[in-house]
Amino acid sequence: MVNPEPTQNLPATPSETLDSTPTPLRCITGALIAGVFAVGMYWITTSIHQTLADTPIPSTSLMAVRISNLVRSLVVGIGALGTITFSVTTVGLLGLSIQLLFKRPEPPASSDS
């Protein structure tokens, strides 16, 4: 059967099209982006926490109060998890950029073939 669409010579892997070697500039840029997300998540999490702490649960049922407390804890916990994740990513990328700055350059590989 004949393929009606023309075939294109697509690269086999994304690494053939992009240079994926880490550089200090890329690491610092990524750290800045992750840092902005971490600060944003922190502000959102503290705002949600304060709003939920100031709002009473409008129910007299013990089961409803327990479920409401559980949901509130989960919402604040997910926000805190996002904050911690972006913060650790920021610190890791800054550490990698420092490591790359002080790394000795490797000699180019010679091809003997």
PDB file of N, CA and C in Angstrom:
ATOM      1  N   MET A   1       0.843  -1.167   0.000  1.00  0.00           N
ATOM      2  CA  MET A   1       0.000   0.000   0.000  1.00  0.00           C
ATOM      3  C   MET A   1       0.890   1.232   0.000  1.00  0.00           C
ATOM      4  N   VAL A   2       0.509   2.207  -0.751  1.00  0.00           N
ATOM      5  CA  VAL A   2       1.298   3.417  -0.910  1.00  0.00           C
ATOM      6  C   VAL A   2       0.859   4.449   0.121  1.00  0.00           C
ATOM      7  N   ASN A   3       1.837   5.079   0.750  1.00  0.00           N
ATOM      8  CA  ASN A   3       1.548   6.112   1.734  1.00  0.00           C
ATOM      9  C   ASN A   3       1.206   7.403   0.995  1.00  0.00           C
ATOM     10  N   PRO A   4      -0.003   7.963   1.180  1.00  0.00           N
ATOM     11  CA  PRO A   4      -0.377   9.165   0.430  1.00  0.00           C
ATOM     12  C   PRO A   4       0.337  10.427   0.915  1.00  0.00           C
ATOM     13  N   GLU A   5       0.845  10.421   2.126  1.00  0.00           N
ATOM     14  CA  GLU A   5       1.530  11.594   2.639  1.00  0.00           C
ATOM     15  C   GLU A   5       3.028  11.451   2.429  1.00  0.00           C
ATOM     16  N   PRO A   6       3.680  12.520   2.023  1.00  0.00           N
ATOM     17  CA  PRO A   6       5.134  12.427   1.827  1.00  0.00           C
ATOM     18  C   PRO A   6       5.838  12.278   3.174  1.00  0.00           C
ATOM     19  N   THR A   7       6.901  11.524   3.166  1.00  0.00           N
ATOM     20  CA  THR A   7       7.665  11.336   4.396  1.00  0.00           C
ATOM     21  C   THR A   7       8.665  12.467   4.552  1.00  0.00           C
ATOM     22  N   GLN A   8       8.860  12.847   5.771  1.00  0.00           N
ATOM     23  CA  GLN A   8       9.824  13.891   6.074  1.00  0.00           C
ATOM     24  C   GLN A   8      10.962  13.274   6.873  1.00  0.00           C
ATOM     25  N   ASN A   9      12.123  13.837   6.730  1.00  0.00           N
ATOM     26  CA  ASN A   9      13.261  13.372   7.510  1.00  0.00           C
ATOM     27  C   ASN A   9      13.245  14.077   8.867  1.00  0.00           C
ATOM     28  N   LEU A  10      12.506  13.511   9.800  1.00  0.00           N
ATOM     29  CA  LEU A  10      12.412  14.080  11.130  1.00  0.00           C
ATOM     30  C   LEU A  10      13.537  13.523  11.995  1.00  0.00           C
ATOM     31  N   PRO A  11      14.045  14.333  12.933  1.00  0.00           N
ATOM     32  CA  PRO A  11      15.085  13.817  13.818  1.00  0.00           C
ATOM     33  C   PRO A  11      14.526  12.722  14.717  1.00  0.00           C
ATOM     34  N   ALA A  12      15.379  11.760  15.054  1.00  0.00           N
ATOM     35  CA  ALA A  12      14.946  10.622  15.860  1.00  0.00           C
ATOM     36  C   ALA A  12      14.695  11.024  17.306  1.00  0.00           C
ATOM     37  N   THR A  13      15.486  11.918  17.832  1.00  0.00           N
ATOM     38  CA  THR A  13      15.328  12.337  19.224  1.00  0.00           C
ATOM     39  C   THR A  13      15.359  13.858  19.304  1.00  0.00           C
ATOM     40  N   PRO A  14      14.771  14.420  20.362  1.00  0.00           N
ATOM     41  CA  PRO A  14      14.813  15.877  20.509  1.00  0.00           C
ATOM     42  C   PRO A  14      16.230  16.410  20.718  1.00  0.00           C
ATOM     43  N   SER A  15      17.133  15.579  21.220  1.00  0.00           N
ATOM     44  CA  SER A  15      18.498  16.051  21.460  1.00  0.00           C
ATOM     45  C   SER A  15      19.239  16.336  20.157  1.00  0.00           C
ATOM     46  N   GLU A  16      18.743  15.798  19.053  1.00  0.00           N
ATOM     47  CA  GLU A  16      19.374  16.080  17.771  1.00  0.00           C
ATOM     48  C   GLU A  16      19.019  17.475  17.269  1.00  0.00           C
ATOM     49  N   THR A  17      17.934  18.049  17.769  1.00  0.00           N
ATOM     50  CA  THR A  17      17.538  19.369  17.314  1.00  0.00           C
ATOM     51  C   THR A  17      17.921  20.466  18.291  1.00  0.00           C
ATOM     52  N   LEU A  18      18.020  20.154  19.573  1.00  0.00           N
ATOM     53  CA  LEU A  18      18.323  21.159  20.581  1.00  0.00           C
ATOM     54  C   LEU A  18      19.618  20.826  21.293  1.00  0.00           C
ATOM     55  N   ASP A  19      20.363  21.849  21.642  1.00  0.00           N
ATOM     56  CA  ASP A  19      21.550  21.662  22.455  1.00  0.00           C
ATOM     57  C   ASP A  19      21.089  21.630  23.911  1.00  0.00           C
ATOM     58  N   SER A  20      21.129  20.464  24.543  1.00  0.00           N
ATOM     59  CA  SER A  20      20.579  20.308  25.887  1.00  0.00           C
ATOM     60  C   SER A  20      21.636  20.344  26.975  1.00  0.00           C
ATOM     61  N   THR A  21      22.813  20.866  26.680  1.00  0.00           N
ATOM     62  CA  THR A  21      23.831  20.942  27.712  1.00  0.00           C
ATOM     63  C   THR A  21      23.506  22.100  28.648  1.00  0.00           C
ATOM     64  N   PRO A  22      23.610  21.867  29.955  1.00  0.00           N
ATOM     65  CA  PRO A  22      23.299  22.949  30.890  1.00  0.00           C
ATOM     66  C   PRO A  22      24.414  23.993  30.912  1.00  0.00           C
ATOM     67  N   THR A  23      24.026  25.230  30.979  1.00  0.00           N
ATOM     68  CA  THR A  23      24.974  26.333  31.109  1.00  0.00           C
ATOM     69  C   THR A  23      24.570  27.131  32.346  1.00  0.00           C
ATOM     70  N   PRO A  24      25.499  27.886  32.910  1.00  0.00           N
ATOM     71  CA  PRO A  24      25.133  28.691  34.082  1.00  0.00           C
ATOM     72  C   PRO A  24      23.989  29.666  33.806  1.00  0.00           C
ATOM     73  N   LEU A  25      23.964  30.250  32.613  1.00  0.00           N
ATOM     74  CA  LEU A  25      22.894  31.184  32.286  1.00  0.00           C
ATOM     75  C   LEU A  25      21.530  30.492  32.242  1.00  0.00           C
ATOM     76  N   ARG A  26      21.479  29.304  31.655  1.00  0.00           N
ATOM     77  CA  ARG A  26      20.218  28.551  31.619  1.00  0.00           C
ATOM     78  C   ARG A  26      19.766  28.182  33.023  1.00  0.00           C
ATOM     79  N   CYS A  27      20.716  27.786  33.872  1.00  0.00           N
ATOM     80  CA  CYS A  27      20.375  27.403  35.244  1.00  0.00           C
ATOM     81  C   CYS A  27      19.860  28.597  36.036  1.00  0.00           C
ATOM     82  N   ILE A  28      20.499  29.750  35.879  1.00  0.00           N
ATOM     83  CA  ILE A  28      20.052  30.935  36.607  1.00  0.00           C
ATOM     84  C   ILE A  28      18.696  31.400  36.103  1.00  0.00           C
ATOM     85  N   THR A  29      18.480  31.315  34.798  1.00  0.00           N
ATOM     86  CA  THR A  29      17.171  31.676  34.250  1.00  0.00           C
ATOM     87  C   THR A  29      16.083  30.754  34.792  1.00  0.00           C
ATOM     88  N   GLY A  30      16.355  29.465  34.804  1.00  0.00           N
ATOM     89  CA  GLY A  30      15.398  28.512  35.362  1.00  0.00           C
ATOM     90  C   GLY A  30      15.163  28.738  36.843  1.00  0.00           C
ATOM     91  N   ALA A  31      16.226  29.088  37.578  1.00  0.00           N
ATOM     92  CA  ALA A  31      16.093  29.354  39.009  1.00  0.00           C
ATOM     93  C   ALA A  31      15.238  30.598  39.252  1.00  0.00           C
ATOM     94  N   LEU A  32      15.400  31.611  38.410  1.00  0.00           N
ATOM     95  CA  LEU A  32      14.575  32.810  38.554  1.00  0.00           C
ATOM     96  C   LEU A  32      13.097  32.505  38.299  1.00  0.00           C
ATOM     97  N   ILE A  33      12.829  31.711  37.288  1.00  0.00           N
ATOM     98  CA  ILE A  33      11.440  31.345  36.984  1.00  0.00           C
ATOM     99  C   ILE A  33      10.846  30.523  38.123  1.00  0.00           C
ATOM    100  N   ALA A  34      11.597  29.527  38.594  1.00  0.00           N
ATOM    101  CA  ALA A  34      11.097  28.706  39.696  1.00  0.00           C
ATOM    102  C   ALA A  34      10.955  29.525  40.974  1.00  0.00           C
ATOM    103  N   GLY A  35      11.841  30.495  41.187  1.00  0.00           N
ATOM    104  CA  GLY A  35      11.745  31.353  42.360  1.00  0.00           C
ATOM    105  C   GLY A  35      10.498  32.223  42.334  1.00  0.00           C
ATOM    106  N   VAL A  36      10.169  32.735  41.161  1.00  0.00           N
ATOM    107  CA  VAL A  36       8.940  33.531  41.033  1.00  0.00           C
ATOM    108  C   VAL A  36       7.717  32.665  41.325  1.00  0.00           C
ATOM    109  N   PHE A  37       7.718  31.453  40.813  1.00  0.00           N
ATOM    110  CA  PHE A  37       6.608  30.531  41.108  1.00  0.00           C
ATOM    111  C   PHE A  37       6.548  30.198  42.596  1.00  0.00           C
ATOM    112  N   ALA A  38       7.701  30.012  43.240  1.00  0.00           N
ATOM    113  CA  ALA A  38       7.729  29.687  44.671  1.00  0.00           C
ATOM    114  C   ALA A  38       7.163  30.833  45.499  1.00  0.00           C
ATOM    115  N   VAL A  39       7.560  32.058  45.176  1.00  0.00           N
ATOM    116  CA  VAL A  39       7.037  33.205  45.919  1.00  0.00           C
ATOM    117  C   VAL A  39       5.538  33.349  45.682  1.00  0.00           C
ATOM    118  N   GLY A  40       5.111  33.174  44.447  1.00  0.00           N
ATOM    119  CA  GLY A  40       3.679  33.241  44.142  1.00  0.00           C
ATOM    120  C   GLY A  40       2.880  32.183  44.879  1.00  0.00           C
ATOM    121  N   MET A  41       3.391  30.964  44.883  1.00  0.00           N
ATOM    122  CA  MET A  41       2.704  29.888  45.605  1.00  0.00           C
ATOM    123  C   MET A  41       2.678  30.167  47.103  1.00  0.00           C
ATOM    124  N   TYR A  42       3.738  30.761  47.634  1.00  0.00           N
ATOM    125  CA  TYR A  42       3.766  31.097  49.054  1.00  0.00           C
ATOM    126  C   TYR A  42       2.684  32.122  49.384  1.00  0.00           C
ATOM    127  N   TRP A  43       2.578  33.170  48.557  1.00  0.00           N
ATOM    128  CA  TRP A  43       1.553  34.187  48.795  1.00  0.00           C
ATOM    129  C   TRP A  43       0.150  33.596  48.704  1.00  0.00           C
ATOM    130  N   ILE A  44      -0.063  32.753  47.697  1.00  0.00           N
ATOM    131  CA  ILE A  44      -1.382  32.136  47.533  1.00  0.00           C
ATOM    132  C   ILE A  44      -1.697  31.222  48.712  1.00  0.00           C
ATOM    133  N   THR A  45      -0.717  30.432  49.141  1.00  0.00           N
ATOM    134  CA  THR A  45      -0.942  29.499  50.239  1.00  0.00           C
ATOM    135  C   THR A  45      -1.243  30.229  51.542  1.00  0.00           C
ATOM    136  N   THR A  46      -0.475  31.283  51.836  1.00  0.00           N
ATOM    137  CA  THR A  46      -0.745  32.024  53.071  1.00  0.00           C
ATOM    138  C   THR A  46      -2.092  32.736  53.008  1.00  0.00           C
ATOM    139  N   SER A  47      -2.468  33.222  51.827  1.00  0.00           N
ATOM    140  CA  SER A  47      -3.769  33.866  51.674  1.00  0.00           C
ATOM    141  C   SER A  47      -4.909  32.870  51.886  1.00  0.00           C
ATOM    142  N   ILE A  48      -4.777  31.690  51.297  1.00  0.00           N
ATOM    143  CA  ILE A  48      -5.800  30.650  51.469  1.00  0.00           C
ATOM    144  C   ILE A  48      -5.877  30.231  52.928  1.00  0.00           C
ATOM    145  N   HIS A  49      -4.724  30.049  53.560  1.00  0.00           N
ATOM    146  CA  HIS A  49      -4.701  29.639  54.960  1.00  0.00           C
ATOM    147  C   HIS A  49      -5.386  30.670  55.847  1.00  0.00           C
ATOM    148  N   GLN A  50      -5.080  31.942  55.628  1.00  0.00           N
ATOM    149  CA  GLN A  50      -5.681  32.995  56.446  1.00  0.00           C
ATOM    150  C   GLN A  50      -7.185  33.082  56.217  1.00  0.00           C
ATOM    151  N   THR A  51      -7.605  32.948  54.967  1.00  0.00           N
ATOM    152  CA  THR A  51      -9.040  33.006  54.657  1.00  0.00           C
ATOM    153  C   THR A  51      -9.779  31.844  55.303  1.00  0.00           C
ATOM    154  N   LEU A  52      -9.220  30.653  55.217  1.00  0.00           N
ATOM    155  CA  LEU A  52      -9.881  29.488  55.812  1.00  0.00           C
ATOM    156  C   LEU A  52      -9.869  29.559  57.335  1.00  0.00           C
ATOM    157  N   ALA A  53      -8.815  30.132  57.923  1.00  0.00           N
ATOM    158  CA  ALA A  53      -8.755  30.243  59.377  1.00  0.00           C
ATOM    159  C   ALA A  53      -9.767  31.266  59.898  1.00  0.00           C
ATOM    160  N   ASP A  54     -10.033  32.312  59.124  1.00  0.00           N
ATOM    161  CA  ASP A  54     -10.968  33.353  59.548  1.00  0.00           C
ATOM    162  C   ASP A  54     -12.428  32.997  59.286  1.00  0.00           C
ATOM    163  N   THR A  55     -12.677  32.005  58.435  1.00  0.00           N
ATOM    164  CA  THR A  55     -14.043  31.641  58.067  1.00  0.00           C
ATOM    165  C   THR A  55     -14.511  30.470  58.923  1.00  0.00           C
ATOM    166  N   PRO A  56     -15.549  30.664  59.723  1.00  0.00           N
ATOM    167  CA  PRO A  56     -16.049  29.533  60.526  1.00  0.00           C
ATOM    168  C   PRO A  56     -16.818  28.539  59.655  1.00  0.00           C
ATOM    169  N   ILE A  57     -16.879  27.328  60.123  1.00  0.00           N
ATOM    170  CA  ILE A  57     -17.612  26.278  59.403  1.00  0.00           C
ATOM    171  C   ILE A  57     -19.082  26.383  59.803  1.00  0.00           C
ATOM    172  N   PRO A  58     -19.980  26.655  58.854  1.00  0.00           N
ATOM    173  CA  PRO A  58     -21.392  26.891  59.197  1.00  0.00           C
ATOM    174  C   PRO A  58     -22.187  25.596  59.325  1.00  0.00           C
ATOM    175  N   SER A  59     -21.818  24.778  60.273  1.00  0.00           N
ATOM    176  CA  SER A  59     -22.543  23.530  60.455  1.00  0.00           C
ATOM    177  C   SER A  59     -22.441  23.111  61.913  1.00  0.00           C
ATOM    178  N   THR A  60     -23.459  22.388  62.362  1.00  0.00           N
ATOM    179  CA  THR A  60     -23.425  21.860  63.723  1.00  0.00           C
ATOM    180  C   THR A  60     -23.161  20.359  63.720  1.00  0.00           C
ATOM    181  N   SER A  61     -23.160  19.766  62.530  1.00  0.00           N
ATOM    182  CA  SER A  61     -22.925  18.337  62.413  1.00  0.00           C
ATOM    183  C   SER A  61     -21.436  18.040  62.605  1.00  0.00           C
ATOM    184  N   LEU A  62     -21.134  17.114  63.490  1.00  0.00           N
ATOM    185  CA  LEU A  62     -19.750  16.760  63.769  1.00  0.00           C
ATOM    186  C   LEU A  62     -19.077  16.164  62.531  1.00  0.00           C
ATOM    187  N   MET A  63     -19.786  15.354  61.768  1.00  0.00           N
ATOM    188  CA  MET A  63     -19.226  14.749  60.566  1.00  0.00           C
ATOM    189  C   MET A  63     -18.896  15.818  59.520  1.00  0.00           C
ATOM    190  N   ALA A  64     -19.764  16.791  59.344  1.00  0.00           N
ATOM    191  CA  ALA A  64     -19.526  17.862  58.381  1.00  0.00           C
ATOM    192  C   ALA A  64     -18.330  18.710  58.795  1.00  0.00           C
ATOM    193  N   VAL A  65     -18.185  18.962  60.071  1.00  0.00           N
ATOM    194  CA  VAL A  65     -17.052  19.745  60.561  1.00  0.00           C
ATOM    195  C   VAL A  65     -15.746  18.993  60.327  1.00  0.00           C
ATOM    196  N   ARG A  66     -15.742  17.697  60.578  1.00  0.00           N
ATOM    197  CA  ARG A  66     -14.527  16.902  60.369  1.00  0.00           C
ATOM    198  C   ARG A  66     -14.145  16.850  58.884  1.00  0.00           C
ATOM    199  N   ILE A  67     -15.120  16.644  58.019  1.00  0.00           N
ATOM    200  CA  ILE A  67     -14.835  16.599  56.586  1.00  0.00           C
ATOM    201  C   ILE A  67     -14.357  17.971  56.102  1.00  0.00           C
ATOM    202  N   SER A  68     -14.970  19.020  56.598  1.00  0.00           N
ATOM    203  CA  SER A  68     -14.550  20.371  56.224  1.00  0.00           C
ATOM    204  C   SER A  68     -13.116  20.649  56.669  1.00  0.00           C
ATOM    205  N   ASN A  69     -12.765  20.235  57.861  1.00  0.00           N
ATOM    206  CA  ASN A  69     -11.387  20.402  58.340  1.00  0.00           C
ATOM    207  C   ASN A  69     -10.403  19.597  57.496  1.00  0.00           C
ATOM    208  N   LEU A  70     -10.805  18.416  57.090  1.00  0.00           N
ATOM    209  CA  LEU A  70      -9.956  17.589  56.250  1.00  0.00           C
ATOM    210  C   LEU A  70      -9.707  18.258  54.899  1.00  0.00           C
ATOM    211  N   VAL A  71     -10.760  18.768  54.289  1.00  0.00           N
ATOM    212  CA  VAL A  71     -10.623  19.425  52.988  1.00  0.00           C
ATOM    213  C   VAL A  71      -9.775  20.685  53.111  1.00  0.00           C
ATOM    214  N   ARG A  72      -9.964  21.444  54.164  1.00  0.00           N
ATOM    215  CA  ARG A  72      -9.155  22.647  54.381  1.00  0.00           C
ATOM    216  C   ARG A  72      -7.680  22.282  54.538  1.00  0.00           C
ATOM    217  N   SER A  73      -7.405  21.241  55.292  1.00  0.00           N
ATOM    218  CA  SER A  73      -6.013  20.808  55.485  1.00  0.00           C
ATOM    219  C   SER A  73      -5.394  20.347  54.176  1.00  0.00           C
ATOM    220  N   LEU A  74      -6.164  19.634  53.364  1.00  0.00           N
ATOM    221  CA  LEU A  74      -5.651  19.171  52.075  1.00  0.00           C
ATOM    222  C   LEU A  74      -5.352  20.348  51.138  1.00  0.00           C
ATOM    223  N   VAL A  75      -6.203  21.345  51.119  1.00  0.00           N
ATOM    224  CA  VAL A  75      -5.997  22.501  50.241  1.00  0.00           C
ATOM    225  C   VAL A  75      -4.731  23.249  50.646  1.00  0.00           C
ATOM    226  N   VAL A  76      -4.567  23.495  51.936  1.00  0.00           N
ATOM    227  CA  VAL A  76      -3.369  24.197  52.409  1.00  0.00           C
ATOM    228  C   VAL A  76      -2.129  23.327  52.194  1.00  0.00           C
ATOM    229  N   GLY A  77      -2.256  22.029  52.386  1.00  0.00           N
ATOM    230  CA  GLY A  77      -1.124  21.117  52.182  1.00  0.00           C
ATOM    231  C   GLY A  77      -0.661  21.067  50.733  1.00  0.00           C
ATOM    232  N   ILE A  78      -1.587  21.081  49.804  1.00  0.00           N
ATOM    233  CA  ILE A  78      -1.218  21.072  48.393  1.00  0.00           C
ATOM    234  C   ILE A  78      -0.506  22.375  48.027  1.00  0.00           C
ATOM    235  N   GLY A  79      -0.976  23.488  48.561  1.00  0.00           N
ATOM    236  CA  GLY A  79      -0.291  24.757  48.323  1.00  0.00           C
ATOM    237  C   GLY A  79       1.111  24.756  48.902  1.00  0.00           C
ATOM    238  N   ALA A  80       1.266  24.210  50.106  1.00  0.00           N
ATOM    239  CA  ALA A  80       2.588  24.132  50.724  1.00  0.00           C
ATOM    240  C   ALA A  80       3.507  23.199  49.941  1.00  0.00           C
ATOM    241  N   LEU A  81       2.962  22.116  49.418  1.00  0.00           N
ATOM    242  CA  LEU A  81       3.765  21.194  48.611  1.00  0.00           C
ATOM    243  C   LEU A  81       4.283  21.880  47.349  1.00  0.00           C
ATOM    244  N   GLY A  82       3.446  22.664  46.702  1.00  0.00           N
ATOM    245  CA  GLY A  82       3.890  23.411  45.530  1.00  0.00           C
ATOM    246  C   GLY A  82       4.960  24.430  45.871  1.00  0.00           C
ATOM    247  N   THR A  83       4.788  25.104  46.998  1.00  0.00           N
ATOM    248  CA  THR A  83       5.778  26.089  47.435  1.00  0.00           C
ATOM    249  C   THR A  83       7.123  25.421  47.693  1.00  0.00           C
ATOM    250  N   ILE A  84       7.107  24.312  48.397  1.00  0.00           N
ATOM    251  CA  ILE A  84       8.350  23.601  48.725  1.00  0.00           C
ATOM    252  C   ILE A  84       9.007  23.062  47.463  1.00  0.00           C
ATOM    253  N   THR A  85       8.215  22.528  46.553  1.00  0.00           N
ATOM    254  CA  THR A  85       8.771  21.975  45.321  1.00  0.00           C
ATOM    255  C   THR A  85       9.497  23.044  44.503  1.00  0.00           C
ATOM    256  N   PHE A  86       8.865  24.190  44.310  1.00  0.00           N
ATOM    257  CA  PHE A  86       9.506  25.251  43.538  1.00  0.00           C
ATOM    258  C   PHE A  86      10.702  25.840  44.279  1.00  0.00           C
ATOM    259  N   SER A  87      10.645  25.884  45.604  1.00  0.00           N
ATOM    260  CA  SER A  87      11.778  26.406  46.377  1.00  0.00           C
ATOM    261  C   SER A  87      12.992  25.496  46.261  1.00  0.00           C
ATOM    262  N   VAL A  88      12.778  24.202  46.385  1.00  0.00           N
ATOM    263  CA  VAL A  88      13.887  23.246  46.266  1.00  0.00           C
ATOM    264  C   VAL A  88      14.462  23.268  44.847  1.00  0.00           C
ATOM    265  N   THR A  89      13.596  23.411  43.857  1.00  0.00           N
ATOM    266  CA  THR A  89      14.064  23.509  42.479  1.00  0.00           C
ATOM    267  C   THR A  89      14.935  24.744  42.291  1.00  0.00           C
ATOM    268  N   THR A  90      14.531  25.856  42.887  1.00  0.00           N
ATOM    269  CA  THR A  90      15.312  27.088  42.795  1.00  0.00           C
ATOM    270  C   THR A  90      16.700  26.898  43.399  1.00  0.00           C
ATOM    271  N   VAL A  91      16.746  26.330  44.596  1.00  0.00           N
ATOM    272  CA  VAL A  91      18.033  26.114  45.267  1.00  0.00           C
ATOM    273  C   VAL A  91      18.904  25.147  44.468  1.00  0.00           C
ATOM    274  N   GLY A  92      18.308  24.090  43.933  1.00  0.00           N
ATOM    275  CA  GLY A  92      19.064  23.124  43.142  1.00  0.00           C
ATOM    276  C   GLY A  92      19.648  23.729  41.876  1.00  0.00           C
ATOM    277  N   LEU A  93      18.856  24.533  41.182  1.00  0.00           N
ATOM    278  CA  LEU A  93      19.362  25.158  39.958  1.00  0.00           C
ATOM    279  C   LEU A  93      20.444  26.192  40.251  1.00  0.00           C
ATOM    280  N   LEU A  94      20.313  26.916  41.347  1.00  0.00           N
ATOM    281  CA  LEU A  94      21.379  27.848  41.722  1.00  0.00           C
ATOM    282  C   LEU A  94      22.659  27.093  42.065  1.00  0.00           C
ATOM    283  N   GLY A  95      22.520  25.972  42.773  1.00  0.00           N
ATOM    284  CA  GLY A  95      23.691  25.149  43.080  1.00  0.00           C
ATOM    285  C   GLY A  95      24.349  24.594  41.825  1.00  0.00           C
ATOM    286  N   LEU A  96      23.540  24.163  40.872  1.00  0.00           N
ATOM    287  CA  LEU A  96      24.092  23.651  39.616  1.00  0.00           C
ATOM    288  C   LEU A  96      24.801  24.751  38.844  1.00  0.00           C
ATOM    289  N   SER A  97      24.257  25.964  38.857  1.00  0.00           N
ATOM    290  CA  SER A  97      24.925  27.050  38.141  1.00  0.00           C
ATOM    291  C   SER A  97      26.267  27.385  38.787  1.00  0.00           C
ATOM    292  N   ILE A  98      26.338  27.343  40.101  1.00  0.00           N
ATOM    293  CA  ILE A  98      27.617  27.579  40.786  1.00  0.00           C
ATOM    294  C   ILE A  98      28.606  26.471  40.451  1.00  0.00           C
ATOM    295  N   GLN A  99      28.132  25.241  40.442  1.00  0.00           N
ATOM    296  CA  GLN A  99      29.001  24.114  40.088  1.00  0.00           C
ATOM    297  C   GLN A  99      29.522  24.255  38.661  1.00  0.00           C
ATOM    298  N   LEU A 100      28.678  24.674  37.739  1.00  0.00           N
ATOM    299  CA  LEU A 100      29.105  24.833  36.348  1.00  0.00           C
ATOM    300  C   LEU A 100      30.071  26.001  36.174  1.00  0.00           C
ATOM    301  N   LEU A 101      29.931  27.024  37.010  1.00  0.00           N
ATOM    302  CA  LEU A 101      30.847  28.161  36.918  1.00  0.00           C
ATOM    303  C   LEU A 101      32.276  27.775  37.312  1.00  0.00           C
ATOM    304  N   PHE A 102      32.404  26.883  38.309  1.00  0.00           N
ATOM    305  CA  PHE A 102      33.725  26.509  38.800  1.00  0.00           C
ATOM    306  C   PHE A 102      34.244  25.200  38.212  1.00  0.00           C
ATOM    307  N   LYS A 103      33.521  24.625  37.280  1.00  0.00           N
ATOM    308  CA  LYS A 103      33.931  23.376  36.652  1.00  0.00           C
ATOM    309  C   LYS A 103      35.017  23.657  35.618  1.00  0.00           C
ATOM    310  N   ARG A 104      36.043  22.824  35.628  1.00  0.00           N
ATOM    311  CA  ARG A 104      37.101  22.964  34.622  1.00  0.00           C
ATOM    312  C   ARG A 104      36.582  22.501  33.267  1.00  0.00           C
ATOM    313  N   PRO A 105      36.904  23.217  32.205  1.00  0.00           N
ATOM    314  CA  PRO A 105      36.433  22.789  30.885  1.00  0.00           C
ATOM    315  C   PRO A 105      37.111  21.483  30.473  1.00  0.00           C
ATOM    316  N   GLU A 106      36.319  20.606  29.905  1.00  0.00           N
ATOM    317  CA  GLU A 106      36.852  19.323  29.446  1.00  0.00           C
ATOM    318  C   GLU A 106      37.473  19.502  28.067  1.00  0.00           C
ATOM    319  N   PRO A 107      38.581  18.814  27.826  1.00  0.00           N
ATOM    320  CA  PRO A 107      39.187  18.914  26.487  1.00  0.00           C
ATOM    321  C   PRO A 107      38.254  18.262  25.460  1.00  0.00           C
ATOM    322  N   PRO A 108      38.253  18.785  24.241  1.00  0.00           N
ATOM    323  CA  PRO A 108      37.380  18.194  23.218  1.00  0.00           C
ATOM    324  C   PRO A 108      37.818  16.780  22.900  1.00  0.00           C
ATOM    325  N   ALA A 109      36.858  15.922  22.660  1.00  0.00           N
ATOM    326  CA  ALA A 109      37.143  14.520  22.342  1.00  0.00           C
ATOM    327  C   ALA A 109      37.722  14.440  20.922  1.00  0.00           C
ATOM    328  N   SER A 110      38.830  13.739  20.799  1.00  0.00           N
ATOM    329  CA  SER A 110      39.445  13.596  19.479  1.00  0.00           C
ATOM    330  C   SER A 110      38.949  12.306  18.851  1.00  0.00           C
ATOM    331  N   SER A 111      38.671  12.382  17.576  1.00  0.00           N
ATOM    332  CA  SER A 111      38.214  11.184  16.865  1.00  0.00           C
ATOM    333  C   SER A 111      39.419  10.580  16.135  1.00  0.00           C
ATOM    334  N   ASP A 112      39.717   9.337  16.468  1.00  0.00           N
ATOM    335  CA  ASP A 112      40.869   8.649  15.888  1.00  0.00           C
ATOM    336  C   ASP A 112      40.480   7.815  14.671  1.00  0.00           C
ATOM    337  N   SER A 113      39.253   7.920  14.211  1.00  0.00           N
ATOM    338  CA  SER A 113      38.839   7.076  13.100  1.00  0.00           C
ATOM    339  C   SER A 113      39.119   7.678  11.760  1.00  0.00           C
TER     340      SER A 113
END
